[in-house]
Amino acid sequence: LGPRGPDVVESVGLDQRTLHRLTRHFSIVDVRDGEALARQGDPAAEFVVVLAGRIGVSLDGLPIAVFDAGSQFGALPMLDGAPGRFSRASFNVLEPSRIAIADRVQFFEILKNFPVVGRRIVQIAEIRRAYLQGHADALALAADRETSPFPVHLLDRV
C-alpha cells in the first residue's frame, strides 16, 4: 500500500495475499499540495488511508495534527450511522501525496471481510471520538464561563 507498506502490513498481521485482496477495496489517488480533502462540517463519505506524503488536520480552524504514511481518517462519521454524517475536522494536503480512498460500501466490506484491520480502524476511531468529546466539553465549559452569573472558579468544581 505504499512506502511503509511492509511495516504497516506487519503491524496488523496481514500476509501479502490478504493485503492484495484488501487493496481491491480502495482507489489510489495522487493529490496536490494545498488541496482540501475534507472540510469540517461537510458531509463525509470516504475513508482515507495516507500512502505517501503529509496531510494537515485542523479542528475549528486550528492545526492539531499532521498525518503521514499509514495514517487514516474518515471512519468516525461512517461508524456513527446513516450516510450524510459530517466531517469533524478539515484535512488539507501539505505536500504532494498519494492516498487510498474507500467509499461507504467498500469501507463496510473492509470491516466485515478483514476483521484484524476492522478492529484497528474502530480502535483509532474510538480514540479520536474521545479526543473530540474532550474538545467539545472544553468549548462548552469556556462558553459557560463567559455567560455564567457564578464566579468562574466555581464552574471548575461542577
Protein backbone atom coordinates (compact mmCIF):
# COMPACT_ATOMS: atom_id res chain seq x y z
CA LEU A 1 0.00 0.00 0.00
CA GLY A 2 2.90 2.43 -0.15
CA PRO A 3 6.41 3.18 1.03
CA ARG A 4 5.63 1.95 4.53
CA GLY A 5 3.61 -0.96 3.17
CA PRO A 6 5.56 -3.82 4.76
CA ASP A 7 5.74 -2.05 8.15
CA VAL A 8 2.03 -1.31 8.12
CA VAL A 9 1.21 -4.84 6.96
CA GLU A 10 3.31 -6.46 9.69
CA SER A 11 1.78 -4.22 12.34
CA VAL A 12 -1.71 -5.58 11.64
CA GLY A 13 -0.64 -9.12 10.77
CA LEU A 14 -1.59 -9.29 7.08
CA ASP A 15 0.11 -11.60 4.61
CA GLN A 16 0.73 -10.47 1.02
CA ARG A 17 -2.30 -12.36 -0.35
CA THR A 18 -4.64 -10.71 2.16
CA LEU A 19 -3.07 -7.32 1.52
CA HIS A 20 -3.72 -7.75 -2.21
CA ARG A 21 -7.39 -8.59 -1.51
CA LEU A 22 -7.66 -5.55 0.76
CA THR A 23 -6.27 -3.13 -1.84
CA ARG A 24 -9.10 -4.03 -4.23
CA HIS A 25 -11.44 -2.07 -1.93
CA PHE A 26 -9.55 1.19 -2.49
CA SER A 27 -9.00 3.68 -5.28
CA ILE A 28 -5.47 5.09 -5.31
CA VAL A 29 -5.29 8.86 -5.93
CA ASP A 30 -2.42 11.33 -6.19
CA VAL A 31 -3.31 14.71 -4.63
CA ARG A 32 -1.64 18.11 -4.98
CA ASP A 33 -0.15 20.34 -2.32
CA GLY A 34 -2.84 22.68 -0.96
CA GLU A 35 -5.80 20.52 -1.97
CA ALA A 36 -8.64 20.27 0.57
CA LEU A 37 -9.65 16.64 1.07
CA ALA A 38 -12.42 17.39 3.57
CA ARG A 39 -13.72 20.43 5.39
CA GLN A 40 -15.09 20.38 8.91
CA GLY A 41 -18.89 20.28 8.74
CA ASP A 42 -19.11 18.94 5.17
CA PRO A 43 -20.78 15.56 4.56
CA ALA A 44 -18.28 12.72 4.97
CA ALA A 45 -18.50 9.84 2.52
CA GLU A 46 -14.98 8.40 2.26
CA PHE A 47 -12.46 6.50 4.34
CA VAL A 48 -8.91 7.58 3.50
CA VAL A 49 -5.50 5.99 4.13
CA VAL A 50 -2.39 8.11 3.55
CA LEU A 51 0.10 6.10 1.50
CA ALA A 52 2.75 8.79 0.98
CA GLY A 53 3.05 12.48 1.78
CA ARG A 54 1.56 14.57 4.56
CA ILE A 55 -1.98 15.70 5.34
CA GLY A 56 -2.66 18.54 7.78
CA VAL A 57 -5.57 18.21 10.19
CA SER A 58 -7.34 21.21 11.69
CA LEU A 59 -10.22 21.49 14.13
CA ASP A 60 -12.21 24.70 14.43
CA GLY A 61 -9.57 26.38 12.24
CA LEU A 62 -6.62 25.38 14.44
CA PRO A 63 -3.96 22.89 13.29
CA ILE A 64 -3.97 19.83 15.54
CA ALA A 65 -2.04 17.09 13.69
CA VAL A 66 -0.14 16.02 10.60
CA PHE A 67 -0.94 12.61 9.15
CA ASP A 68 1.72 10.76 7.16
CA ALA A 69 2.03 7.31 5.55
CA GLY A 70 -0.08 4.77 7.39
CA SER A 71 -2.50 7.30 8.90
CA GLN A 72 -6.21 7.02 8.21
CA PHE A 73 -9.29 9.20 8.58
CA GLY A 74 -12.97 9.24 7.72
CA ALA A 75 -14.02 6.18 9.71
CA LEU A 76 -15.73 8.01 12.57
CA PRO A 77 -18.55 9.63 10.56
CA MET A 78 -19.28 6.33 8.82
CA LEU A 79 -19.32 4.37 12.07
CA ASP A 80 -21.73 6.90 13.57
CA GLY A 81 -24.62 5.89 11.39
CA ALA A 82 -26.52 6.90 8.29
CA PRO A 83 -24.94 8.46 5.22
CA GLY A 84 -24.62 12.21 5.37
CA ARG A 85 -22.69 12.37 8.64
CA PHE A 86 -20.31 15.27 8.80
CA SER A 87 -16.54 15.56 8.88
CA ARG A 88 -15.40 16.56 12.34
CA ALA A 89 -12.15 18.13 11.10
CA SER A 90 -10.59 19.65 7.98
CA PHE A 91 -7.92 17.74 6.06
CA ASN A 92 -5.57 19.60 3.70
CA VAL A 93 -2.68 18.25 1.62
CA LEU A 94 0.64 19.71 2.85
CA GLU A 95 2.80 18.23 0.09
CA PRO A 96 2.14 16.08 -2.99
CA SER A 97 0.67 12.89 -1.57
CA ARG A 98 -0.80 9.55 -2.51
CA ILE A 99 -3.94 8.35 -0.75
CA ALA A 100 -6.18 5.29 -0.86
CA ILE A 101 -9.91 6.01 -0.77
CA ALA A 102 -12.79 3.65 0.07
CA ASP A 103 -16.40 4.77 -0.27
CA ARG A 104 -19.05 3.85 2.31
CA VAL A 105 -19.86 0.44 0.76
CA GLN A 106 -16.19 -0.50 0.41
CA PHE A 107 -15.50 0.69 3.96
CA PHE A 108 -18.09 -1.65 5.47
CA GLU A 109 -16.87 -4.51 3.28
CA ILE A 110 -13.38 -3.94 4.71
CA LEU A 111 -14.73 -4.06 8.27
CA LYS A 112 -16.65 -7.28 7.52
CA ASN A 113 -14.06 -9.13 5.42
CA PHE A 114 -10.84 -8.06 7.19
CA PRO A 115 -11.55 -8.31 10.93
CA VAL A 116 -7.98 -7.55 12.04
CA VAL A 117 -7.93 -4.35 10.00
CA GLY A 118 -11.51 -3.55 11.02
CA ARG A 119 -10.69 -3.80 14.73
CA ARG A 120 -7.75 -1.42 14.30
CA ILE A 121 -9.87 1.09 12.34
CA VAL A 122 -12.53 1.03 15.08
CA GLN A 123 -9.90 1.41 17.84
CA ILE A 124 -8.46 4.51 16.17
CA ALA A 125 -11.95 5.93 15.60
CA GLU A 126 -12.82 5.48 19.30
CA ILE A 127 -9.62 7.25 20.38
CA ARG A 128 -10.50 10.14 18.08
CA ARG A 129 -14.08 10.20 19.36
CA ALA A 130 -12.78 10.59 22.93
CA TYR A 131 -10.45 13.41 21.84
CA LEU A 132 -13.27 15.23 20.04
CA GLN A 133 -15.60 14.82 23.03
CA GLY A 134 -12.95 16.35 25.25
CA HIS A 135 -12.57 19.22 22.80
CA ALA A 136 -16.35 19.79 22.75
CA ASP A 137 -16.51 19.66 26.56
CA ALA A 138 -13.73 22.27 26.81
CA LEU A 139 -15.58 24.57 24.38
CA ALA A 140 -18.81 24.18 26.36
CA LEU A 141 -17.03 24.98 29.62
CA ALA A 142 -15.42 28.06 28.05
CA ALA A 143 -18.85 29.21 26.82
CA ASP A 144 -20.33 28.62 30.30
CA ARG A 145 -17.57 30.70 31.84
CA GLU A 146 -18.39 33.61 29.53
CA THR A 147 -22.13 33.56 30.23
CA SER A 148 -22.39 32.23 33.79
CA PRO A 149 -23.58 34.51 36.58
CA PHE A 150 -21.48 32.40 39.00
CA PRO A 151 -17.84 33.06 39.84
CA VAL A 152 -15.63 31.25 37.29
CA HIS A 153 -13.70 29.26 39.90
CA LEU A 154 -16.94 27.51 40.96
CA LEU A 155 -17.52 26.15 37.45
CA ASP A 156 -14.32 24.08 37.66
CA ARG A 157 -15.82 22.11 40.56
CA VAL A 158 -19.10 21.19 38.90
